[in-house]
Protein backbone atom coordinates (compact mmCIF):
# COMPACT_ATOMS: atom_id res chain seq x y z
CA UNK A 1 3.88 11.09 -5.58
CA UNK A 2 7.40 12.33 -5.10
CA UNK A 3 8.25 14.41 -2.01
CA UNK A 4 11.81 15.64 -2.25
CA UNK A 5 13.74 12.46 -2.96
CA UNK A 6 11.04 10.18 -1.47
CA UNK A 7 8.71 8.28 -3.78
CA UNK A 8 5.49 7.25 -2.05
CA UNK A 9 2.23 5.68 -3.13
CA UNK A 10 -0.96 5.13 -1.11
CA UNK A 11 -3.05 2.10 -2.03
CA UNK A 12 -6.43 1.02 -0.75
CA UNK A 13 -8.50 -1.49 -2.70
CA UNK A 14 -12.03 -2.53 -1.88
CA UNK A 15 -12.13 -6.23 -2.69
CA UNK A 16 -10.02 -9.24 -3.51
CA UNK A 17 -10.68 -8.94 -7.25
CA UNK A 18 -9.23 -5.40 -7.28
CA UNK A 19 -6.30 -6.41 -5.08
CA UNK A 20 -5.41 -9.16 -7.55
CA UNK A 21 -5.75 -6.78 -10.51
CA UNK A 22 -3.43 -4.22 -8.95
CA UNK A 23 -0.78 -6.56 -7.54
CA UNK A 24 1.54 -6.51 -10.57
CA UNK A 25 1.38 -2.71 -10.72
CA UNK A 26 2.17 -2.46 -7.01
CA UNK A 27 5.17 -4.76 -7.51
CA UNK A 28 6.39 -2.54 -10.37
CA UNK A 29 6.10 0.55 -8.16
CA UNK A 30 8.23 -1.16 -5.50
CA UNK A 31 10.83 -2.05 -8.14
CA UNK A 32 10.88 1.64 -9.15
CA UNK A 33 11.74 2.59 -5.58
CA UNK A 34 8.34 3.65 -4.29
CA UNK A 35 7.31 3.09 -0.68
CA UNK A 36 3.74 1.79 -0.69
CA UNK A 37 1.39 2.72 2.13
CA UNK A 38 -1.74 0.63 2.56
CA UNK A 39 -4.64 0.09 4.89
CA UNK A 40 -4.88 -3.09 6.95
CA UNK A 41 -6.48 -5.60 4.57
CA UNK A 42 -4.47 -4.48 1.56
CA UNK A 43 -1.34 -4.68 3.72
CA UNK A 44 -2.17 -8.27 4.68
CA UNK A 45 -2.80 -9.17 1.04
CA UNK A 46 0.43 -7.68 -0.29
CA UNK A 47 2.75 -8.88 2.48
CA UNK A 48 1.33 -12.41 2.27
CA UNK A 49 2.54 -12.35 -1.35
CA UNK A 50 5.98 -11.05 -0.45
CA UNK A 51 5.50 -7.40 -1.35
CA UNK A 52 6.88 -4.95 1.20
CA UNK A 53 4.57 -2.12 2.22
CA UNK A 54 3.82 0.11 5.20
CA UNK A 55 0.47 -0.06 6.99
CA UNK A 56 -1.53 3.01 7.97
CA UNK A 57 -4.90 3.13 9.73
CA UNK A 58 -8.14 4.68 8.59
CA UNK A 59 -8.99 7.88 10.46
CA UNK A 60 -12.05 6.39 12.17
CA UNK A 61 -9.84 3.73 13.78
CA UNK A 62 -8.26 6.49 15.90
CA UNK A 63 -4.79 4.93 15.66
CA UNK A 64 -1.57 6.29 14.29
CA UNK A 65 -0.30 6.60 11.66
CA UNK A 66 -3.52 7.22 9.79
CA UNK A 67 -4.92 8.58 6.55
């Protein structure tokens, strides 16, 4: 999504297999200038592999920021 001049993408994957499948696409989005927002486990997965992203919480966690 593009908001004004900001490019953002929200990513939440359910399991390790899907995280591995999407990693290259997420890296391409970062190269294109997108800020990637993720939930906790996806954030851990991506940052452990050197991909910068921003973590948000699930609504039921009652923390901020959330989705």
